[in-house]
Amino acid sequence: MKEKVLIATRNIAKKQEYQKYFAEFLPSVRILTIDDVKTQGVPTEDGKTFFENAHKKAIFYARQTGLTTLGDDGGFEIDALGGEPGVFSRRWPGYEASDQELVDIVFKKLRGVPAKKRSARLTTAVVVVKGTGEIVAKEQGSAVGVIPEKPASWVQKDFPFRAVLYFPKYKKYFQDLSEKEHQEINHRRALIQKISFHLKNI
């Protein structure tokens, strides 16, 4: 029977990515999400950093389920805006925004900002805890690019900022990368590769 790791999310796109990367680095693990287990309530994500929020998610669900749990938190950081929206990425306008709204806000806020000052990054932090709450691993990584004058022609569901972040090396938006290019640049894949060494020990 495969060992189970709970990913503290209901985001289908995230689940699919984690399934793919765990299959690559830890094929002995079966991935579950919040929709696959019985839990009550939701964690309060009021941390000031991605790490704090990732830890809050992980420990909240680990203690309820007794499962080794991975908490994931991240967001978009725009240098010209002092790192905004950061931990408020999904709620940037002050409420739970749609994918398209978030894309539109980026270009509204960057209107008039010159190309050389439009650097940005997608950052993700992960914290893995045992069912007891003990931290097993914590890692953070970023995919760094720039924001062009206009977004991509389409928006990937649940990953709106991938329609905004552009990589000059590939001359493509994040969401348009080939599988090979995606593996080279994807920060979540790199994080799973790192934490896989810790998970093998438990």
N, C-alpha and C. Protein backbone atom coordinates (compact mmCIF):
# COMPACT_ATOMS: atom_id res chain seq x y z
N MET A 1 0.84 -1.20 0.00
CA MET A 1 0.00 0.00 0.00
C MET A 1 0.88 1.26 0.00
N LYS A 2 0.52 2.23 -0.81
CA LYS A 2 1.30 3.45 -0.89
C LYS A 2 1.12 4.32 0.35
N GLU A 3 2.20 4.99 0.75
CA GLU A 3 2.12 5.96 1.83
C GLU A 3 1.29 7.15 1.34
N LYS A 4 0.56 7.77 2.26
CA LYS A 4 -0.30 8.89 1.88
C LYS A 4 0.31 10.21 2.35
N VAL A 5 0.22 11.21 1.48
CA VAL A 5 0.59 12.57 1.83
C VAL A 5 -0.58 13.47 1.47
N LEU A 6 -1.03 14.23 2.43
CA LEU A 6 -2.15 15.14 2.20
C LEU A 6 -1.62 16.50 1.74
N ILE A 7 -2.14 16.98 0.61
CA ILE A 7 -1.81 18.31 0.13
C ILE A 7 -2.93 19.23 0.61
N ALA A 8 -2.60 20.23 1.39
CA ALA A 8 -3.61 21.08 2.02
C ALA A 8 -4.18 22.09 1.03
N THR A 9 -4.94 21.58 0.06
CA THR A 9 -5.55 22.44 -0.95
C THR A 9 -6.77 21.76 -1.56
N ARG A 10 -7.63 22.58 -2.15
CA ARG A 10 -8.73 22.07 -2.96
C ARG A 10 -8.54 22.47 -4.42
N ASN A 11 -7.43 23.12 -4.68
CA ASN A 11 -7.12 23.60 -6.02
C ASN A 11 -6.77 22.42 -6.93
N ILE A 12 -7.62 22.17 -7.94
CA ILE A 12 -7.44 21.02 -8.81
C ILE A 12 -6.14 21.11 -9.60
N ALA A 13 -5.80 22.31 -10.08
CA ALA A 13 -4.58 22.49 -10.86
C ALA A 13 -3.34 22.17 -10.02
N LYS A 14 -3.35 22.60 -8.75
CA LYS A 14 -2.23 22.29 -7.86
C LYS A 14 -2.13 20.79 -7.62
N LYS A 15 -3.28 20.14 -7.40
CA LYS A 15 -3.28 18.71 -7.15
C LYS A 15 -2.65 17.97 -8.33
N GLN A 16 -3.00 18.37 -9.54
CA GLN A 16 -2.47 17.71 -10.72
C GLN A 16 -0.96 17.87 -10.83
N GLU A 17 -0.47 19.08 -10.49
CA GLU A 17 0.98 19.29 -10.53
C GLU A 17 1.68 18.45 -9.47
N TYR A 18 1.12 18.42 -8.26
CA TYR A 18 1.76 17.64 -7.21
C TYR A 18 1.74 16.15 -7.53
N GLN A 19 0.66 15.67 -8.11
CA GLN A 19 0.60 14.27 -8.50
C GLN A 19 1.69 13.94 -9.51
N LYS A 20 1.89 14.84 -10.46
CA LYS A 20 2.90 14.62 -11.50
C LYS A 20 4.31 14.61 -10.90
N TYR A 21 4.60 15.56 -10.02
CA TYR A 21 5.96 15.66 -9.50
C TYR A 21 6.26 14.64 -8.41
N PHE A 22 5.24 14.27 -7.64
CA PHE A 22 5.46 13.20 -6.67
C PHE A 22 5.67 11.87 -7.40
N ALA A 23 4.95 11.67 -8.49
CA ALA A 23 5.14 10.45 -9.28
C ALA A 23 6.56 10.38 -9.83
N GLU A 24 7.14 11.54 -10.11
CA GLU A 24 8.50 11.60 -10.64
C GLU A 24 9.54 11.33 -9.55
N PHE A 25 9.37 11.96 -8.39
CA PHE A 25 10.40 11.88 -7.35
C PHE A 25 10.07 10.93 -6.21
N LEU A 26 8.78 10.69 -5.96
CA LEU A 26 8.38 9.79 -4.88
C LEU A 26 7.20 8.94 -5.35
N PRO A 27 7.44 8.02 -6.27
CA PRO A 27 6.33 7.21 -6.82
C PRO A 27 5.63 6.33 -5.80
N SER A 28 6.24 6.14 -4.61
CA SER A 28 5.63 5.30 -3.58
C SER A 28 4.56 6.04 -2.78
N VAL A 29 4.37 7.34 -3.08
CA VAL A 29 3.43 8.16 -2.31
C VAL A 29 2.11 8.35 -3.07
N ARG A 30 1.03 8.25 -2.31
CA ARG A 30 -0.30 8.54 -2.87
C ARG A 30 -0.73 9.92 -2.39
N ILE A 31 -1.07 10.80 -3.34
CA ILE A 31 -1.46 12.17 -3.01
C ILE A 31 -2.96 12.27 -2.73
N LEU A 32 -3.30 12.91 -1.61
CA LEU A 32 -4.68 13.22 -1.28
C LEU A 32 -4.81 14.74 -1.14
N THR A 33 -6.02 15.25 -1.31
CA THR A 33 -6.28 16.66 -1.04
C THR A 33 -7.41 16.76 -0.03
N ILE A 34 -7.74 17.97 0.36
CA ILE A 34 -8.77 18.19 1.38
C ILE A 34 -10.11 17.56 0.99
N ASP A 35 -10.39 17.49 -0.28
CA ASP A 35 -11.65 16.90 -0.73
C ASP A 35 -11.69 15.38 -0.54
N ASP A 36 -10.54 14.78 -0.28
CA ASP A 36 -10.48 13.33 -0.13
C ASP A 36 -10.57 12.86 1.32
N VAL A 37 -10.58 13.80 2.26
CA VAL A 37 -10.58 13.44 3.68
C VAL A 37 -11.66 14.23 4.42
N LYS A 38 -11.96 13.80 5.63
CA LYS A 38 -12.96 14.50 6.45
C LYS A 38 -12.26 15.50 7.36
N THR A 39 -12.62 16.75 7.21
CA THR A 39 -12.05 17.80 8.05
C THR A 39 -13.15 18.78 8.44
N GLN A 40 -12.88 19.58 9.45
CA GLN A 40 -13.82 20.60 9.89
C GLN A 40 -13.14 21.96 9.90
N GLY A 41 -13.84 22.95 9.33
CA GLY A 41 -13.32 24.30 9.34
C GLY A 41 -12.19 24.51 8.36
N VAL A 42 -11.62 25.70 8.39
CA VAL A 42 -10.50 26.05 7.52
C VAL A 42 -9.47 26.83 8.36
N PRO A 43 -8.21 26.74 8.00
CA PRO A 43 -7.19 27.47 8.76
C PRO A 43 -7.29 28.97 8.49
N THR A 44 -6.86 29.75 9.45
CA THR A 44 -6.81 31.20 9.29
C THR A 44 -5.47 31.56 8.65
N GLU A 45 -5.54 32.08 7.42
CA GLU A 45 -4.32 32.40 6.69
C GLU A 45 -4.01 33.89 6.86
N ASP A 46 -3.50 34.23 8.04
CA ASP A 46 -3.20 35.62 8.32
C ASP A 46 -1.71 35.85 8.51
N GLY A 47 -0.91 34.93 7.99
CA GLY A 47 0.54 35.07 8.10
C GLY A 47 1.06 36.21 7.25
N LYS A 48 2.21 36.72 7.64
CA LYS A 48 2.82 37.83 6.90
C LYS A 48 3.77 37.34 5.81
N THR A 49 4.02 36.03 5.80
CA THR A 49 4.90 35.45 4.78
C THR A 49 4.25 34.20 4.20
N PHE A 50 4.77 33.76 3.07
CA PHE A 50 4.28 32.53 2.46
C PHE A 50 4.55 31.34 3.39
N PHE A 51 5.71 31.32 4.02
CA PHE A 51 6.04 30.24 4.94
C PHE A 51 5.04 30.14 6.09
N GLU A 52 4.68 31.28 6.66
CA GLU A 52 3.75 31.27 7.79
C GLU A 52 2.41 30.68 7.38
N ASN A 53 1.89 31.09 6.24
CA ASN A 53 0.61 30.58 5.78
C ASN A 53 0.68 29.10 5.41
N ALA A 54 1.78 28.70 4.79
CA ALA A 54 1.95 27.29 4.43
C ALA A 54 1.97 26.42 5.69
N HIS A 55 2.63 26.91 6.73
CA HIS A 55 2.71 26.16 7.99
C HIS A 55 1.34 26.08 8.66
N LYS A 56 0.60 27.17 8.64
CA LYS A 56 -0.73 27.18 9.24
C LYS A 56 -1.63 26.14 8.57
N LYS A 57 -1.58 26.07 7.25
CA LYS A 57 -2.39 25.09 6.52
C LYS A 57 -1.97 23.67 6.88
N ALA A 58 -0.67 23.43 6.84
CA ALA A 58 -0.16 22.08 7.06
C ALA A 58 -0.53 21.56 8.45
N ILE A 59 -0.28 22.35 9.46
CA ILE A 59 -0.51 21.88 10.83
C ILE A 59 -2.00 21.75 11.14
N PHE A 60 -2.82 22.61 10.56
CA PHE A 60 -4.26 22.57 10.77
C PHE A 60 -4.84 21.23 10.30
N TYR A 61 -4.46 20.81 9.10
CA TYR A 61 -5.02 19.58 8.55
C TYR A 61 -4.30 18.33 9.05
N ALA A 62 -3.02 18.43 9.36
CA ALA A 62 -2.28 17.28 9.88
C ALA A 62 -2.85 16.84 11.22
N ARG A 63 -3.17 17.81 12.06
CA ARG A 63 -3.69 17.46 13.39
C ARG A 63 -5.09 16.88 13.32
N GLN A 64 -5.84 17.24 12.29
CA GLN A 64 -7.20 16.68 12.14
C GLN A 64 -7.18 15.28 11.55
N THR A 65 -6.24 15.04 10.65
CA THR A 65 -6.26 13.77 9.91
C THR A 65 -5.21 12.78 10.36
N GLY A 66 -4.17 13.26 11.05
CA GLY A 66 -3.09 12.37 11.44
C GLY A 66 -2.16 12.02 10.29
N LEU A 67 -2.37 12.66 9.14
CA LEU A 67 -1.57 12.37 7.95
C LEU A 67 -0.39 13.33 7.82
N THR A 68 0.68 12.85 7.23
CA THR A 68 1.75 13.75 6.83
C THR A 68 1.14 14.74 5.83
N THR A 69 1.30 16.02 6.09
CA THR A 69 0.59 17.03 5.31
C THR A 69 1.53 18.09 4.77
N LEU A 70 1.30 18.44 3.52
CA LEU A 70 2.08 19.49 2.86
C LEU A 70 1.23 20.74 2.73
N GLY A 71 1.67 21.82 3.35
CA GLY A 71 1.02 23.11 3.20
C GLY A 71 1.75 23.91 2.15
N ASP A 72 0.99 24.53 1.29
CA ASP A 72 1.55 25.25 0.15
C ASP A 72 0.97 26.66 0.15
N ASP A 73 1.82 27.65 0.05
CA ASP A 73 1.31 29.02 -0.10
C ASP A 73 2.27 29.78 -1.00
N GLY A 74 1.72 30.65 -1.78
CA GLY A 74 2.57 31.41 -2.69
C GLY A 74 1.80 32.52 -3.35
N GLY A 75 2.48 33.21 -4.22
CA GLY A 75 1.82 34.31 -4.90
C GLY A 75 2.75 35.00 -5.87
N PHE A 76 2.25 36.08 -6.39
CA PHE A 76 2.95 36.85 -7.41
C PHE A 76 3.60 38.05 -6.75
N GLU A 77 4.84 38.32 -7.09
CA GLU A 77 5.57 39.44 -6.51
C GLU A 77 6.11 40.33 -7.63
N ILE A 78 5.67 41.58 -7.63
CA ILE A 78 6.06 42.53 -8.67
C ILE A 78 7.02 43.55 -8.07
N ASP A 79 8.22 43.61 -8.59
CA ASP A 79 9.24 44.47 -8.01
C ASP A 79 8.86 45.95 -8.03
N ALA A 80 8.26 46.41 -9.12
CA ALA A 80 7.90 47.82 -9.24
C ALA A 80 6.82 48.23 -8.24
N LEU A 81 6.13 47.24 -7.67
CA LEU A 81 5.08 47.51 -6.69
C LEU A 81 5.52 47.11 -5.28
N GLY A 82 6.82 47.00 -5.07
CA GLY A 82 7.32 46.68 -3.75
C GLY A 82 7.00 45.26 -3.30
N GLY A 83 6.82 44.34 -4.25
CA GLY A 83 6.52 42.95 -3.92
C GLY A 83 5.04 42.61 -3.91
N GLU A 84 4.19 43.58 -4.20
CA GLU A 84 2.74 43.28 -4.30
C GLU A 84 2.49 42.36 -5.48
N PRO A 85 1.41 41.57 -5.38
CA PRO A 85 0.47 41.43 -4.27
C PRO A 85 0.93 40.48 -3.16
N GLY A 86 1.98 39.68 -3.41
CA GLY A 86 2.53 38.83 -2.36
C GLY A 86 1.51 37.89 -1.74
N VAL A 87 1.43 37.88 -0.40
CA VAL A 87 0.52 36.96 0.29
C VAL A 87 -0.94 37.28 0.03
N PHE A 88 -1.20 38.43 -0.56
CA PHE A 88 -2.59 38.81 -0.86
C PHE A 88 -2.95 38.56 -2.33
N SER A 89 -2.19 37.72 -3.00
CA SER A 89 -2.35 37.55 -4.45
C SER A 89 -3.78 37.24 -4.89
N ARG A 90 -4.41 36.29 -4.25
CA ARG A 90 -5.77 35.93 -4.66
C ARG A 90 -6.79 36.98 -4.23
N ARG A 91 -6.51 37.70 -3.16
CA ARG A 91 -7.43 38.71 -2.64
C ARG A 91 -6.88 40.13 -2.83
N TRP A 92 -6.15 40.33 -3.89
CA TRP A 92 -5.50 41.61 -4.13
C TRP A 92 -6.44 42.81 -4.08
N PRO A 93 -7.61 42.73 -4.71
CA PRO A 93 -8.52 43.89 -4.67
C PRO A 93 -9.31 44.01 -3.37
N GLY A 94 -9.05 43.10 -2.41
CA GLY A 94 -9.77 43.15 -1.14
C GLY A 94 -10.86 42.11 -1.03
N TYR A 95 -10.98 41.27 -2.04
CA TYR A 95 -11.96 40.18 -2.03
C TYR A 95 -11.41 39.06 -2.90
N GLU A 96 -12.05 37.91 -2.89
CA GLU A 96 -11.62 36.76 -3.69
C GLU A 96 -11.84 37.07 -5.17
N ALA A 97 -10.79 37.43 -5.87
CA ALA A 97 -10.91 37.87 -7.26
C ALA A 97 -10.90 36.68 -8.23
N SER A 98 -11.49 36.89 -9.39
CA SER A 98 -11.47 35.87 -10.44
C SER A 98 -10.10 35.89 -11.12
N ASP A 99 -9.81 34.84 -11.88
CA ASP A 99 -8.54 34.79 -12.61
C ASP A 99 -8.38 36.00 -13.52
N GLN A 100 -9.41 36.32 -14.27
CA GLN A 100 -9.31 37.43 -15.22
C GLN A 100 -9.16 38.77 -14.52
N GLU A 101 -9.83 38.94 -13.40
CA GLU A 101 -9.69 40.19 -12.64
C GLU A 101 -8.25 40.41 -12.21
N LEU A 102 -7.60 39.35 -11.77
CA LEU A 102 -6.22 39.47 -11.31
C LEU A 102 -5.28 39.83 -12.45
N VAL A 103 -5.51 39.23 -13.59
CA VAL A 103 -4.70 39.58 -14.77
C VAL A 103 -4.89 41.06 -15.12
N ASP A 104 -6.13 41.51 -15.10
CA ASP A 104 -6.43 42.90 -15.45
C ASP A 104 -5.81 43.89 -14.46
N ILE A 105 -5.81 43.53 -13.17
CA ILE A 105 -5.25 44.42 -12.15
C ILE A 105 -3.75 44.63 -12.37
N VAL A 106 -3.06 43.57 -12.76
CA VAL A 106 -1.62 43.68 -12.99
C VAL A 106 -1.32 44.79 -13.99
N PHE A 107 -2.01 44.77 -15.11
CA PHE A 107 -1.70 45.73 -16.17
C PHE A 107 -2.22 47.13 -15.86
N LYS A 108 -3.26 47.20 -15.07
CA LYS A 108 -3.75 48.50 -14.63
C LYS A 108 -2.72 49.17 -13.73
N LYS A 109 -2.17 48.40 -12.78
CA LYS A 109 -1.22 48.96 -11.83
C LYS A 109 0.14 49.26 -12.47
N LEU A 110 0.48 48.57 -13.55
CA LEU A 110 1.78 48.77 -14.19
C LEU A 110 1.71 49.72 -15.39
N ARG A 111 0.58 50.34 -15.57
CA ARG A 111 0.45 51.27 -16.69
C ARG A 111 1.50 52.38 -16.58
N GLY A 112 2.29 52.53 -17.63
CA GLY A 112 3.32 53.58 -17.64
C GLY A 112 4.66 53.16 -17.08
N VAL A 113 4.75 51.97 -16.48
CA VAL A 113 6.02 51.49 -15.93
C VAL A 113 6.89 50.97 -17.07
N PRO A 114 8.13 51.47 -17.22
CA PRO A 114 9.00 51.06 -18.34
C PRO A 114 9.38 49.58 -18.27
N ALA A 115 9.73 49.01 -19.41
CA ALA A 115 10.02 47.59 -19.53
C ALA A 115 11.13 47.13 -18.58
N LYS A 116 12.16 47.94 -18.38
CA LYS A 116 13.29 47.53 -17.56
C LYS A 116 12.94 47.44 -16.06
N LYS A 117 11.76 47.95 -15.69
CA LYS A 117 11.34 47.91 -14.30
C LYS A 117 10.15 46.97 -14.08
N ARG A 118 9.91 46.07 -15.03
CA ARG A 118 8.74 45.20 -14.95
C ARG A 118 9.10 43.75 -14.58
N SER A 119 10.13 43.59 -13.78
CA SER A 119 10.51 42.25 -13.32
C SER A 119 9.52 41.76 -12.27
N ALA A 120 9.34 40.44 -12.23
CA ALA A 120 8.37 39.84 -11.30
C ALA A 120 8.70 38.37 -11.10
N ARG A 121 8.04 37.77 -10.12
CA ARG A 121 8.29 36.36 -9.86
C ARG A 121 7.05 35.69 -9.26
N LEU A 122 6.94 34.42 -9.54
CA LEU A 122 5.95 33.58 -8.87
C LEU A 122 6.71 32.80 -7.80
N THR A 123 6.30 32.96 -6.56
CA THR A 123 6.99 32.32 -5.44
C THR A 123 6.07 31.34 -4.73
N THR A 124 6.62 30.21 -4.35
CA THR A 124 5.87 29.21 -3.60
C THR A 124 6.69 28.73 -2.41
N ALA A 125 6.04 28.62 -1.26
CA ALA A 125 6.67 28.04 -0.07
C ALA A 125 5.90 26.79 0.30
N VAL A 126 6.61 25.75 0.68
CA VAL A 126 5.96 24.52 1.14
C VAL A 126 6.51 24.15 2.52
N VAL A 127 5.62 23.68 3.37
CA VAL A 127 6.00 23.18 4.70
C VAL A 127 5.34 21.82 4.85
N VAL A 128 6.11 20.82 5.21
CA VAL A 128 5.60 19.47 5.41
C VAL A 128 5.68 19.13 6.89
N VAL A 129 4.56 18.68 7.46
CA VAL A 129 4.54 18.28 8.87
C VAL A 129 3.99 16.87 9.01
N LYS A 130 4.43 16.20 10.07
CA LYS A 130 3.86 14.89 10.41
C LYS A 130 2.47 15.09 11.01
N GLY A 131 1.78 14.00 11.20
CA GLY A 131 0.46 14.07 11.82
C GLY A 131 0.49 14.68 13.21
N THR A 132 1.65 14.62 13.85
CA THR A 132 1.81 15.19 15.19
C THR A 132 2.01 16.70 15.16
N GLY A 133 2.30 17.22 13.97
CA GLY A 133 2.56 18.65 13.85
C GLY A 133 4.04 18.99 13.72
N GLU A 134 4.89 17.98 13.88
CA GLU A 134 6.34 18.20 13.78
C GLU A 134 6.73 18.54 12.33
N ILE A 135 7.51 19.60 12.16
CA ILE A 135 7.94 19.99 10.81
C ILE A 135 8.98 19.02 10.28
N VAL A 136 8.74 18.52 9.08
CA VAL A 136 9.65 17.58 8.42
C VAL A 136 10.55 18.32 7.43
N ALA A 137 9.96 19.27 6.70
CA ALA A 137 10.71 19.99 5.68
C ALA A 137 10.04 21.32 5.38
N LYS A 138 10.85 22.29 4.96
CA LYS A 138 10.31 23.57 4.49
C LYS A 138 11.25 24.10 3.42
N GLU A 139 10.65 24.55 2.32
CA GLU A 139 11.43 25.05 1.20
C GLU A 139 10.65 26.18 0.52
N GLN A 140 11.38 27.07 -0.15
CA GLN A 140 10.74 28.14 -0.92
C GLN A 140 11.51 28.33 -2.22
N GLY A 141 10.77 28.61 -3.29
CA GLY A 141 11.41 28.83 -4.58
C GLY A 141 10.61 29.77 -5.44
N SER A 142 11.26 30.30 -6.47
CA SER A 142 10.60 31.27 -7.35
C SER A 142 10.92 31.01 -8.81
N ALA A 143 9.98 31.39 -9.66
CA ALA A 143 10.21 31.42 -11.11
C ALA A 143 10.22 32.90 -11.49
N VAL A 144 11.36 33.38 -11.95
CA VAL A 144 11.57 34.82 -12.17
C VAL A 144 11.48 35.17 -13.65
N GLY A 145 10.70 36.21 -13.97
CA GLY A 145 10.58 36.66 -15.34
C GLY A 145 10.24 38.13 -15.39
N VAL A 146 9.53 38.52 -16.44
CA VAL A 146 9.13 39.92 -16.61
C VAL A 146 7.66 39.98 -17.00
N ILE A 147 7.10 41.18 -16.91
CA ILE A 147 5.71 41.39 -17.30
C ILE A 147 5.70 42.25 -18.56
N PRO A 148 5.25 41.71 -19.69
CA PRO A 148 5.20 42.48 -20.94
C PRO A 148 4.11 43.55 -20.90
N GLU A 149 3.84 44.15 -22.04
CA GLU A 149 2.83 45.21 -22.11
C GLU A 149 1.41 44.66 -22.15
N LYS A 150 1.27 43.38 -22.46
CA LYS A 150 -0.07 42.78 -22.51
C LYS A 150 0.02 41.33 -22.07
N PRO A 151 -1.10 40.75 -21.60
CA PRO A 151 -1.10 39.36 -21.14
C PRO A 151 -1.15 38.36 -22.29
N ALA A 152 -1.05 37.09 -21.94
CA ALA A 152 -1.19 36.02 -22.92
C ALA A 152 -2.62 36.03 -23.46
N SER A 153 -2.84 35.31 -24.53
CA SER A 153 -4.16 35.31 -25.18
C SER A 153 -5.19 34.48 -24.43
N TRP A 154 -4.77 33.71 -23.45
CA TRP A 154 -5.70 32.90 -22.66
C TRP A 154 -5.16 32.83 -21.23
N VAL A 155 -6.02 32.39 -20.31
CA VAL A 155 -5.66 32.33 -18.89
C VAL A 155 -5.88 30.92 -18.37
N GLN A 156 -4.83 30.30 -17.81
CA GLN A 156 -4.94 28.96 -17.26
C GLN A 156 -5.73 29.00 -15.96
N LYS A 157 -6.77 28.20 -15.87
CA LYS A 157 -7.63 28.20 -14.69
C LYS A 157 -6.84 27.95 -13.41
N ASP A 158 -7.08 28.79 -12.43
CA ASP A 158 -6.46 28.73 -11.10
C ASP A 158 -5.01 29.20 -11.07
N PHE A 159 -4.44 29.51 -12.23
CA PHE A 159 -3.07 30.00 -12.29
C PHE A 159 -3.03 31.29 -13.13
N PRO A 160 -3.74 32.34 -12.72
CA PRO A 160 -3.86 33.54 -13.54
C PRO A 160 -2.54 34.24 -13.84
N PHE A 161 -1.61 34.22 -12.90
CA PHE A 161 -0.38 34.98 -13.11
C PHE A 161 0.56 34.31 -14.11
N ARG A 162 0.26 33.08 -14.48
CA ARG A 162 1.05 32.43 -15.52
C ARG A 162 0.73 33.02 -16.91
N ALA A 163 -0.37 33.78 -16.97
CA ALA A 163 -0.70 34.48 -18.21
C ALA A 163 -0.07 35.86 -18.25
N VAL A 164 0.67 36.19 -17.20
CA VAL A 164 1.28 37.50 -17.04
C VAL A 164 2.81 37.42 -17.05
N LEU A 165 3.34 36.35 -16.43
CA LEU A 165 4.79 36.20 -16.30
C LEU A 165 5.40 35.65 -17.59
N TYR A 166 6.36 36.39 -18.12
CA TYR A 166 6.98 36.09 -19.42
C TYR A 166 8.46 35.81 -19.23
N PHE A 167 8.97 34.80 -19.96
CA PHE A 167 10.37 34.44 -19.86
C PHE A 167 11.08 34.76 -21.18
N PRO A 168 11.88 35.82 -21.20
CA PRO A 168 12.59 36.20 -22.43
C PRO A 168 13.43 35.07 -23.02
N LYS A 169 13.99 34.22 -22.16
CA LYS A 169 14.83 33.11 -22.63
C LYS A 169 14.08 32.22 -23.61
N TYR A 170 12.80 31.99 -23.30
CA TYR A 170 11.98 31.11 -24.14
C TYR A 170 11.07 31.89 -25.09
N LYS A 171 10.96 33.19 -24.85
CA LYS A 171 10.04 34.04 -25.61
C LYS A 171 8.60 33.53 -25.48
N LYS A 172 8.26 33.14 -24.24
CA LYS A 172 6.93 32.58 -23.97
C LYS A 172 6.46 33.00 -22.58
N TYR A 173 5.12 33.02 -22.43
CA TYR A 173 4.53 33.16 -21.11
C TYR A 173 4.67 31.82 -20.38
N PHE A 174 4.61 31.87 -19.06
CA PHE A 174 4.75 30.67 -18.24
C PHE A 174 3.83 29.55 -18.74
N GLN A 175 2.57 29.87 -18.96
CA GLN A 175 1.58 28.85 -19.31
C GLN A 175 1.78 28.26 -20.71
N ASP A 176 2.60 28.91 -21.53
CA ASP A 176 2.80 28.44 -22.90
C ASP A 176 4.08 27.64 -23.09
N LEU A 177 4.81 27.41 -22.00
CA LEU A 177 6.05 26.65 -22.09
C LEU A 177 5.78 25.21 -22.51
N SER A 178 6.73 24.62 -23.23
CA SER A 178 6.63 23.21 -23.57
C SER A 178 6.87 22.40 -22.29
N GLU A 179 6.61 21.12 -22.33
CA GLU A 179 6.82 20.28 -21.15
C GLU A 179 8.27 20.33 -20.69
N LYS A 180 9.20 20.28 -21.62
CA LYS A 180 10.62 20.32 -21.29
C LYS A 180 10.99 21.67 -20.67
N GLU A 181 10.50 22.76 -21.27
CA GLU A 181 10.78 24.10 -20.75
C GLU A 181 10.15 24.28 -19.37
N HIS A 182 8.95 23.75 -19.23
CA HIS A 182 8.23 23.85 -17.96
C HIS A 182 9.00 23.16 -16.84
N GLN A 183 9.56 22.01 -17.13
CA GLN A 183 10.32 21.28 -16.12
C GLN A 183 11.57 22.05 -15.72
N GLU A 184 12.15 22.77 -16.67
CA GLU A 184 13.36 23.54 -16.38
C GLU A 184 13.06 24.73 -15.47
N ILE A 185 11.89 25.32 -15.62
CA ILE A 185 11.58 26.59 -14.95
C ILE A 185 10.64 26.44 -13.76
N ASN A 186 9.89 25.35 -13.69
CA ASN A 186 8.84 25.24 -12.68
C ASN A 186 9.40 25.14 -11.26
N HIS A 187 9.11 26.13 -10.45
CA HIS A 187 9.63 26.18 -9.09
C HIS A 187 8.99 25.14 -8.18
N ARG A 188 7.74 24.77 -8.45
CA ARG A 188 7.08 23.76 -7.61
C ARG A 188 7.75 22.39 -7.82
N ARG A 189 8.12 22.09 -9.02
CA ARG A 189 8.83 20.83 -9.30
C ARG A 189 10.14 20.78 -8.53
N ALA A 190 10.87 21.90 -8.54
CA ALA A 190 12.15 21.96 -7.82
C ALA A 190 11.94 21.78 -6.31
N LEU A 191 10.86 22.33 -5.79
CA LEU A 191 10.57 22.19 -4.36
C LEU A 191 10.28 20.74 -3.99
N ILE A 192 9.50 20.06 -4.83
CA ILE A 192 9.16 18.66 -4.55
C ILE A 192 10.42 17.79 -4.62
N GLN A 193 11.29 18.11 -5.54
CA GLN A 193 12.54 17.36 -5.64
C GLN A 193 13.34 17.51 -4.34
N LYS A 194 13.36 18.72 -3.78
CA LYS A 194 14.11 18.96 -2.54
C LYS A 194 13.48 18.27 -1.34
N ILE A 195 12.16 18.40 -1.20
CA ILE A 195 11.54 17.82 0.00
C ILE A 195 11.42 16.31 -0.10
N SER A 196 11.57 15.74 -1.29
CA SER A 196 11.48 14.29 -1.44
C SER A 196 12.55 13.58 -0.61
N PHE A 197 13.69 14.22 -0.45
CA PHE A 197 14.77 13.60 0.34
C PHE A 197 14.36 13.48 1.82
N HIS A 198 13.62 14.48 2.30
CA HIS A 198 13.16 14.45 3.70
C HIS A 198 12.04 13.43 3.86
N LEU A 199 11.13 13.39 2.88
CA LEU A 199 9.99 12.49 2.99
C LEU A 199 10.40 11.01 2.92
N LYS A 200 11.45 10.74 2.21
CA LYS A 200 11.92 9.35 2.11
C LYS A 200 12.32 8.80 3.47
N ASN A 201 12.72 9.70 4.35
CA ASN A 201 13.16 9.28 5.68
C ASN A 201 12.02 9.00 6.66
N ILE A 202 10.78 9.38 6.28
CA ILE A 202 9.66 9.15 7.20
C ILE A 202 8.65 8.20 6.60
